[in-house]
Amino acid sequence: MFFRYTTATYENENINGSVSLPFGIGTFNEKSESWMISHTIPLSHNLVNNFRFGRLEPISIQGGIAAPKVTSPRSA
């Protein structure tokens, strides 16, 4: 019998070709959790039964800082 559990968290910020900081900075956050269970039974000298079951649940959030809304002045 075998069991494995893994969890990881990633955070990243990058500049997406923007020249007007802080607008255009992209963010990426990910949290992943996975597990797997396996059970192996030898049935004879040349036959093996193996059962595996697992799950992976990644959650990723991507976004950025939006630029402010530009208002045009009223014409007189």
Protein backbone atom coordinates (compact mmCIF):
# COMPACT_ATOMS: atom_id res chain seq x y z
CA MET A 1 0.00 0.00 0.00
CA PHE A 2 1.25 3.50 -0.88
CA PHE A 3 -0.04 7.01 -0.14
CA ARG A 4 1.28 10.40 -1.29
CA TYR A 5 0.11 13.94 -0.40
CA THR A 6 1.52 17.19 -1.83
CA THR A 7 0.60 20.83 -1.34
CA ALA A 8 2.25 23.89 -2.87
CA THR A 9 1.73 27.65 -3.06
CA TYR A 10 3.15 29.96 -5.75
CA GLU A 11 3.05 33.76 -5.91
CA ASN A 12 4.45 35.87 -8.74
CA GLU A 13 4.32 39.48 -9.95
CA ASN A 14 5.47 40.56 -13.39
CA ILE A 15 5.52 43.61 -15.65
CA ASN A 16 3.47 42.86 -18.74
CA GLY A 17 5.29 45.22 -21.11
CA SER A 18 3.87 48.27 -19.35
CA VAL A 19 5.79 51.51 -19.08
CA SER A 20 3.36 53.15 -16.63
CA LEU A 21 3.97 51.55 -13.27
CA PRO A 22 2.21 50.44 -11.10
CA PHE A 23 -0.49 49.90 -13.75
CA GLY A 24 0.13 46.84 -15.87
CA ILE A 25 1.73 44.77 -13.11
CA GLY A 26 0.30 41.27 -13.36
CA THR A 27 -0.17 38.96 -10.41
CA PHE A 28 -0.37 35.17 -10.34
CA ASN A 29 -1.30 33.13 -7.26
CA GLU A 30 -1.70 29.36 -7.25
CA LYS A 31 -2.46 26.86 -4.54
CA SER A 32 -2.42 23.19 -5.48
CA GLU A 33 -3.20 20.10 -3.47
CA SER A 34 -2.85 16.54 -4.70
CA TRP A 35 -3.02 13.07 -3.25
CA MET A 36 -2.80 9.51 -4.53
CA ILE A 37 -3.32 6.07 -3.03
CA SER A 38 -2.13 2.82 -4.58
CA HIS A 39 -2.54 -0.82 -3.64
CA THR A 40 -0.67 -3.70 -5.30
CA ILE A 41 -1.38 -7.43 -4.91
CA PRO A 42 0.74 -10.14 -6.57
CA LEU A 43 -1.68 -12.81 -7.86
CA SER A 44 0.96 -15.20 -9.20
CA HIS A 45 4.62 -15.15 -10.22
CA ASN A 46 3.76 -13.35 -13.51
CA LEU A 47 0.47 -11.53 -12.73
CA VAL A 48 0.05 -8.41 -10.56
CA ASN A 49 -3.11 -6.48 -9.69
CA ASN A 50 -2.56 -2.74 -9.14
CA PHE A 51 -5.22 -0.22 -8.11
CA ARG A 52 -4.56 3.55 -8.09
CA PHE A 53 -6.77 6.49 -7.24
CA GLY A 54 -5.80 10.15 -6.98
CA ARG A 55 -6.95 13.73 -7.06
CA LEU A 56 -5.40 17.07 -8.09
CA GLU A 57 -7.08 20.37 -7.21
CA PRO A 58 -5.22 23.44 -8.49
CA ILE A 59 -6.65 26.91 -7.83
CA SER A 60 -5.08 29.70 -9.92
CA ILE A 61 -5.85 33.40 -9.72
CA GLN A 62 -4.46 35.78 -12.32
CA GLY A 63 -5.04 39.50 -12.33
CA GLY A 64 -3.49 42.90 -12.39
CA ILE A 65 -3.80 46.47 -11.27
CA ALA A 66 -6.25 48.28 -13.51
CA ALA A 67 -5.43 51.69 -14.93
CA PRO A 68 -7.60 54.55 -13.65
CA LYS A 69 -10.53 55.72 -15.72
CA VAL A 70 -9.58 58.73 -17.82
CA THR A 71 -12.18 61.45 -18.12
CA SER A 72 -12.05 63.91 -20.95
CA PRO A 73 -12.56 67.61 -20.20
CA ARG A 74 -15.82 69.16 -21.39
CA SER A 75 -15.60 71.25 -24.47
CA ALA A 76 -17.02 74.78 -24.13
